[in-house]
């Protein structure tokens, strides 16, 4: 059985883009693969060195992963900082990572442009920490987006370098995981692209958003002046609204507003009111499940404990073997 690993930074609540993207596939993957899902609280420190509520953010992500269907008995769902072996492997990999190759990393170049006042060593060595996350469980597959492909390539490079340096065949070469189908892409409300936290709170519908919050966000969604020619092509900013409606509304609702657009009778205010109603109804089961799980402190703590123990067992085995390969021996 293949070992698959994926992580998420605890920088905010999960939104519809996460839910329809990789997360929905993770729920299915845990039935067929040896899956490790971790909350990357070490990684979050590179851009938030003094977070206001790191623990609260981690807990919220854990709760929402559980509510989305990840089963702590089927998969290993854990918090990165609760497995200290990750930091130890990170140290070993850093000893064999070269400044030049780290500085050439695209994500590092992007980050130093975005936050020139906070160019820290953690940003530079982010690829080695990501490699440690993957290699600590000797994962074969990693679901990655386009922006993470270079990091996965560097993980293979670091693992192969370790193997060559110590003349072993220990770390496997992790490959990108192919879900086998096109992921559903959920557009944001600001009209510029996909739904995500980086575009601001108002761009995303979070799974835990209350109805009034959803209503306000949807009513502020970007639109244009309306069509002037029958059956004219929808611009991206309007296509986004229709795409959201296609996901959460009944087909007849979508078809009605599509017809209104094509005949130049569309009233965006009416469409957004209906979209808000449908969005609230669609997210209600998940919202209620999040509330129920969040209120069950025993269940949340037990899920975290199970994940920690399972992840530690795997990671400790790797570190014992890596230490032996390197030559560390007790006196």
Protein backbone atom coordinates (compact mmCIF):
# COMPACT_ATOMS: atom_id res chain seq x y z
CA UNK A 1 0.00 0.00 0.00
CA UNK A 2 1.37 3.41 -0.97
CA UNK A 3 2.11 5.99 1.73
CA UNK A 4 0.60 9.39 0.93
CA UNK A 5 1.31 12.60 2.84
CA UNK A 6 -0.22 16.06 2.76
CA UNK A 7 -0.28 19.09 5.05
CA UNK A 8 -2.10 22.36 5.62
CA UNK A 9 -0.91 25.56 7.26
CA UNK A 10 -3.05 26.65 10.26
CA UNK A 11 -3.55 30.18 8.96
CA UNK A 12 -7.33 30.26 8.78
CA UNK A 13 -10.51 28.25 8.41
CA UNK A 14 -11.17 25.85 5.55
CA UNK A 15 -13.23 27.28 2.70
CA UNK A 16 -15.29 25.85 -0.15
CA UNK A 17 -12.23 25.81 -2.40
CA UNK A 18 -10.48 23.46 0.04
CA UNK A 19 -13.59 21.34 0.45
CA UNK A 20 -14.19 20.75 -3.25
CA UNK A 21 -10.47 20.56 -4.01
CA UNK A 22 -8.01 18.19 -2.38
CA UNK A 23 -9.93 17.74 0.88
CA UNK A 24 -12.83 15.85 -0.69
CA UNK A 25 -10.30 13.51 -2.27
CA UNK A 26 -8.45 13.01 1.03
CA UNK A 27 -11.60 11.55 2.54
CA UNK A 28 -11.69 8.95 -0.23
CA UNK A 29 -7.91 8.37 -0.23
CA UNK A 30 -7.86 7.26 3.41
CA UNK A 31 -9.84 4.17 2.42
CA UNK A 32 -7.23 3.00 -0.09
CA UNK A 33 -3.83 4.35 1.02
CA UNK A 34 -1.67 4.70 4.11
CA UNK A 35 -2.37 8.41 4.58
CA UNK A 36 -0.64 11.01 6.76
CA UNK A 37 -2.31 14.42 7.06
CA UNK A 38 -0.57 16.99 9.21
CA UNK A 39 -1.24 20.53 10.41
CA UNK A 40 1.92 22.45 9.54
CA UNK A 41 2.32 24.74 12.54
CA UNK A 42 6.14 24.82 12.19
CA UNK A 43 5.73 26.13 8.65
CA UNK A 44 3.35 28.88 9.77
CA UNK A 45 6.12 30.51 11.80
CA UNK A 46 7.97 31.67 8.68
CA UNK A 47 5.36 34.31 7.94
CA UNK A 48 3.78 34.67 11.39
CA UNK A 49 6.68 34.76 13.89
CA UNK A 50 4.37 36.13 16.61
CA UNK A 51 0.92 34.61 15.92
CA UNK A 52 -1.94 35.81 18.08
CA UNK A 53 -3.53 32.41 18.59
CA UNK A 54 -1.51 29.62 17.02
CA UNK A 55 -3.05 26.98 19.26
CA UNK A 56 -6.58 28.15 18.46
CA UNK A 57 -5.86 28.13 14.72
CA UNK A 58 -4.41 24.61 14.92
CA UNK A 59 -7.41 23.38 16.87
CA UNK A 60 -9.86 24.91 14.40
CA UNK A 61 -8.16 23.24 11.42
CA UNK A 62 -8.11 19.92 13.28
CA UNK A 63 -11.84 20.24 14.03
CA UNK A 64 -12.67 21.11 10.42
CA UNK A 65 -10.60 18.24 8.99
CA UNK A 66 -12.51 15.88 11.28
CA UNK A 67 -15.84 17.45 10.30
CA UNK A 68 -14.96 17.08 6.61
CA UNK A 69 -14.64 13.32 7.08
CA UNK A 70 -11.03 12.49 7.91
CA UNK A 71 -11.10 9.51 10.26
CA UNK A 72 -8.28 9.30 12.87
CA UNK A 73 -8.68 5.52 12.86
CA UNK A 74 -8.29 5.19 9.07
CA UNK A 75 -5.60 7.83 8.50
CA UNK A 76 -2.94 9.54 10.59
CA UNK A 77 -4.06 13.11 11.30
CA UNK A 78 -1.50 14.90 13.45
CA UNK A 79 0.02 18.23 14.45
CA UNK A 80 3.51 18.77 13.05
CA UNK A 81 5.03 20.26 16.23
CA UNK A 82 3.89 17.26 18.29
CA UNK A 83 6.30 15.02 16.36
CA UNK A 84 9.78 16.31 17.32
CA UNK A 85 11.46 13.80 15.02
CA UNK A 86 10.46 16.09 12.12
CA UNK A 87 12.70 18.84 13.51
CA UNK A 88 15.57 16.38 13.98
CA UNK A 89 15.39 15.15 10.39
CA UNK A 90 15.11 18.80 9.28
CA UNK A 91 18.47 19.41 11.00
CA UNK A 92 20.14 16.46 9.27
CA UNK A 93 18.83 17.52 5.85
CA UNK A 94 19.98 21.10 6.39
CA UNK A 95 23.53 19.83 6.89
CA UNK A 96 23.47 18.56 3.32
CA UNK A 97 21.48 21.38 1.69
CA UNK A 98 23.46 24.09 -0.11
CA UNK A 99 22.84 27.82 0.19
CA UNK A 100 22.86 28.33 -3.58
CA UNK A 101 20.14 25.77 -4.31
CA UNK A 102 17.96 27.10 -1.50
CA UNK A 103 18.34 30.71 -2.68
CA UNK A 104 17.29 29.70 -6.20
CA UNK A 105 13.99 28.29 -4.95
CA UNK A 106 11.12 30.17 -6.59
CA UNK A 107 9.02 30.34 -3.42
CA UNK A 108 11.96 31.89 -1.51
CA UNK A 109 12.36 34.58 -4.15
CA UNK A 110 8.63 35.29 -4.01
CA UNK A 111 8.59 35.51 -0.22
CA UNK A 112 11.51 37.94 0.07
CA UNK A 113 9.68 40.22 -2.37
CA UNK A 114 6.47 39.93 -0.38
CA UNK A 115 8.01 40.38 3.06
CA UNK A 116 11.41 42.10 2.70
CA UNK A 117 11.28 43.07 6.38
CA UNK A 118 11.15 39.41 7.46
CA UNK A 119 13.64 37.38 5.40
CA UNK A 120 14.36 34.67 7.97
CA UNK A 121 16.31 31.43 7.86
CA UNK A 122 13.06 29.49 8.03
CA UNK A 123 12.03 30.91 4.66
CA UNK A 124 15.37 29.93 3.16
CA UNK A 125 15.22 26.37 4.51
CA UNK A 126 11.48 25.88 3.94
CA UNK A 127 12.23 23.20 1.28
CA UNK A 128 14.26 21.14 3.76
CA UNK A 129 11.48 21.29 6.36
CA UNK A 130 8.98 20.21 3.71
CA UNK A 131 11.36 17.42 2.72
CA UNK A 132 11.58 16.34 6.37
CA UNK A 133 7.77 16.22 6.56
CA UNK A 134 7.69 13.86 3.58
CA UNK A 135 10.76 11.76 4.24
CA UNK A 136 10.05 11.23 7.95
CA UNK A 137 7.31 8.79 6.90
CA UNK A 138 9.14 7.71 3.75
CA UNK A 139 6.11 8.77 1.72
CA UNK A 140 5.76 7.59 -1.89
CA UNK A 141 3.12 10.09 -2.99
CA UNK A 142 2.43 13.74 -2.21
CA UNK A 143 -0.56 15.74 -3.52
CA UNK A 144 0.96 19.05 -4.62
CA UNK A 145 -0.16 22.10 -6.53
CA UNK A 146 1.87 23.84 -9.22
CA UNK A 147 3.48 26.13 -6.62
CA UNK A 148 4.84 23.12 -4.68
CA UNK A 149 6.25 21.04 -7.53
CA UNK A 150 9.73 22.53 -7.12
CA UNK A 151 9.69 21.66 -3.40
CA UNK A 152 8.83 18.06 -4.23
CA UNK A 153 11.70 17.92 -6.70
CA UNK A 154 14.01 19.28 -4.00
CA UNK A 155 12.73 16.62 -1.60
CA UNK A 156 13.78 13.94 -4.08
CA UNK A 157 17.13 15.69 -4.42
CA UNK A 158 17.74 15.80 -0.66
CA UNK A 159 16.66 12.18 -0.21
CA UNK A 160 18.85 10.95 -3.07
CA UNK A 161 21.79 12.99 -1.77
CA UNK A 162 21.45 11.34 1.64
CA UNK A 163 21.35 7.93 -0.03
CA UNK A 164 24.51 8.69 -2.06
CA UNK A 165 26.43 10.21 0.84
CA UNK A 166 25.87 7.20 3.07
CA UNK A 167 25.82 4.59 0.31
CA UNK A 168 22.34 3.34 1.16
CA UNK A 169 19.02 2.94 -0.60
CA UNK A 170 16.93 4.29 2.26
CA UNK A 171 14.71 7.20 1.24
CA UNK A 172 12.27 6.58 -1.63
CA UNK A 173 11.68 9.13 -4.40
CA UNK A 174 8.26 10.68 -3.63
CA UNK A 175 6.15 11.46 -6.67
CA UNK A 176 3.22 13.82 -7.17
CA UNK A 177 -0.08 12.14 -6.33
CA UNK A 178 -2.57 12.11 -9.18
CA UNK A 179 -6.16 12.12 -7.97
CA UNK A 180 -7.18 10.55 -11.28
CA UNK A 181 -9.71 13.28 -12.03
CA UNK A 182 -9.86 17.00 -12.51
CA UNK A 183 -10.32 18.84 -9.21
CA UNK A 184 -13.31 21.16 -9.00
CA UNK A 185 -11.98 24.73 -9.03
CA UNK A 186 -14.02 27.09 -6.89
CA UNK A 187 -13.76 30.77 -7.88
CA UNK A 188 -13.55 33.58 -5.35
CA UNK A 189 -16.09 36.32 -4.77
CA UNK A 190 -13.79 39.18 -5.78
CA UNK A 191 -13.78 38.21 -9.45
CA UNK A 192 -10.01 37.82 -9.80
CA UNK A 193 -9.43 34.08 -9.54
CA UNK A 194 -9.80 31.05 -7.29
CA UNK A 195 -11.20 31.12 -3.80
CA UNK A 196 -8.46 31.45 -1.20
CA UNK A 197 -7.35 33.12 2.02
CA UNK A 198 -4.58 35.10 0.32
CA UNK A 199 -7.15 37.27 -1.49
CA UNK A 200 -8.76 38.44 1.75
CA UNK A 201 -11.54 37.22 4.04
CA UNK A 202 -14.29 38.54 1.77
CA UNK A 203 -13.14 36.44 -1.17
CA UNK A 204 -13.88 33.08 0.46
CA UNK A 205 -16.88 31.29 1.95
CA UNK A 206 -15.55 29.40 4.95
CA UNK A 207 -17.15 26.15 6.08
CA UNK A 208 -17.82 27.64 9.52
CA UNK A 209 -19.27 30.98 8.31
CA UNK A 210 -22.60 31.88 9.87
CA UNK A 211 -25.55 32.58 7.53
CA UNK A 212 -25.44 36.37 7.93
CA UNK A 213 -21.71 36.41 7.18
CA UNK A 214 -22.28 34.35 4.02
CA UNK A 215 -25.12 36.63 2.95
CA UNK A 216 -23.00 39.76 3.32
CA UNK A 217 -20.07 38.25 1.44
CA UNK A 218 -22.19 37.05 -1.45
CA UNK A 219 -24.04 40.35 -1.80
CA UNK A 220 -20.66 42.11 -2.09
CA UNK A 221 -19.48 39.76 -4.85
CA UNK A 222 -18.08 41.63 -7.86
CA UNK A 223 -20.30 41.92 -10.96
CA UNK A 224 -20.44 44.14 -14.07
CA UNK A 225 -23.05 46.37 -15.70
CA UNK A 226 -24.88 43.43 -17.24
CA UNK A 227 -25.09 41.99 -20.78
CA UNK A 228 -25.97 44.26 -23.70
CA UNK A 229 -26.25 41.61 -26.42
CA UNK A 230 -28.23 38.37 -26.24
CA UNK A 231 -26.18 35.21 -25.69
CA UNK A 232 -22.97 37.18 -25.29
CA UNK A 233 -20.05 35.45 -23.62
CA UNK A 234 -19.86 35.93 -19.87
CA UNK A 235 -16.76 37.80 -18.66
CA UNK A 236 -14.67 36.07 -15.97
CA UNK A 237 -16.10 38.18 -13.17
CA UNK A 238 -19.63 36.95 -14.02
CA UNK A 239 -18.54 33.43 -14.91
CA UNK A 240 -17.32 33.16 -11.31
CA UNK A 241 -20.79 33.84 -9.90
CA UNK A 242 -22.38 31.33 -12.26
CA UNK A 243 -19.75 28.73 -11.39
CA UNK A 244 -20.53 29.12 -7.68
CA UNK A 245 -24.23 28.75 -8.42
CA UNK A 246 -23.59 25.62 -10.46
CA UNK A 247 -21.88 24.07 -7.42
CA UNK A 248 -24.42 24.88 -4.69
CA UNK A 249 -27.77 25.51 -6.42
CA UNK A 250 -30.34 23.27 -8.10
CA UNK A 251 -29.90 22.86 -11.89
CA UNK A 252 -33.20 24.62 -12.56
CA UNK A 253 -32.04 27.62 -10.53
CA UNK A 254 -28.83 27.85 -12.51
CA UNK A 255 -30.68 27.44 -15.79
CA UNK A 256 -33.16 30.19 -14.89
CA UNK A 257 -30.47 32.80 -14.27
CA UNK A 258 -28.46 31.61 -17.25
CA UNK A 259 -31.53 32.24 -19.41
CA UNK A 260 -32.02 35.66 -17.81
CA UNK A 261 -28.42 36.52 -18.68
CA UNK A 262 -28.71 35.29 -22.26
CA UNK A 263 -31.84 37.38 -22.82
CA UNK A 264 -30.35 40.47 -21.13
CA UNK A 265 -32.93 40.35 -18.33
CA UNK A 266 -30.51 39.40 -15.52
CA UNK A 267 -30.76 41.26 -12.21
CA UNK A 268 -27.54 40.51 -10.35
CA UNK A 269 -29.07 41.53 -7.03
CA UNK A 270 -31.72 38.83 -7.37
CA UNK A 271 -29.14 36.29 -8.47
CA UNK A 272 -26.87 37.03 -5.51
CA UNK A 273 -29.79 36.82 -3.06
CA UNK A 274 -30.63 33.36 -4.40
CA UNK A 275 -26.98 32.32 -4.39
CA UNK A 276 -26.70 33.38 -0.74
CA UNK A 277 -29.77 31.31 0.20
CA UNK A 278 -28.38 28.26 -1.60
CA UNK A 279 -24.89 28.76 -0.19
CA UNK A 280 -26.24 28.92 3.36
CA UNK A 281 -28.29 25.75 2.83
CA UNK A 282 -25.36 23.94 1.24
CA UNK A 283 -22.91 24.74 4.06
CA UNK A 284 -25.36 24.18 6.94
CA UNK A 285 -24.61 20.44 7.52
CA UNK A 286 -20.86 21.10 7.61
CA UNK A 287 -21.30 24.19 9.80
CA UNK A 288 -23.37 22.22 12.34
CA UNK A 289 -20.90 19.34 12.33
CA UNK A 290 -18.02 21.73 12.99
CA UNK A 291 -19.91 23.19 15.95
CA UNK A 292 -20.70 19.76 17.37
CA UNK A 293 -17.13 18.47 17.09
CA UNK A 294 -15.65 21.72 18.43
CA UNK A 295 -17.86 21.43 21.52
CA UNK A 296 -16.70 17.85 22.16
CA UNK A 297 -13.33 18.49 23.80
CA UNK A 298 -12.83 14.81 24.62
CA UNK A 299 -13.26 13.76 20.99
CA UNK A 300 -10.92 16.47 19.68
CA UNK A 301 -8.24 15.66 22.27
CA UNK A 302 -8.53 11.93 21.60
CA UNK A 303 -8.23 12.47 17.83
CA UNK A 304 -5.08 14.55 18.36
CA UNK A 305 -3.63 11.89 20.69
CA UNK A 306 -4.27 9.05 18.25
CA UNK A 307 -2.66 11.02 15.43
CA UNK A 308 0.33 11.98 17.56
CA UNK A 309 0.97 8.39 18.65
CA UNK A 310 0.66 6.95 15.13
CA UNK A 311 2.86 9.66 13.59
CA UNK A 312 5.44 9.32 16.37
CA UNK A 313 5.69 5.56 15.87
CA UNK A 314 6.47 6.01 12.16
CA UNK A 315 8.79 9.00 12.67
CA UNK A 316 10.73 7.44 15.55
CA UNK A 317 11.50 4.37 13.44
CA UNK A 318 12.86 6.59 10.65
CA UNK A 319 15.02 8.62 13.03
CA UNK A 320 16.45 5.49 14.68
CA UNK A 321 17.45 4.14 11.29
CA UNK A 322 18.77 7.49 10.02
CA UNK A 323 20.89 7.91 13.15
CA UNK A 324 22.33 4.44 12.65
CA UNK A 325 23.09 5.19 8.98
CA UNK A 326 24.82 8.48 9.85
CA UNK A 327 26.85 6.81 12.58
CA UNK A 328 25.35 8.13 15.82
CA UNK A 329 25.72 5.47 18.49
CA UNK A 330 24.93 5.52 22.24
CA UNK A 331 27.77 5.24 24.75
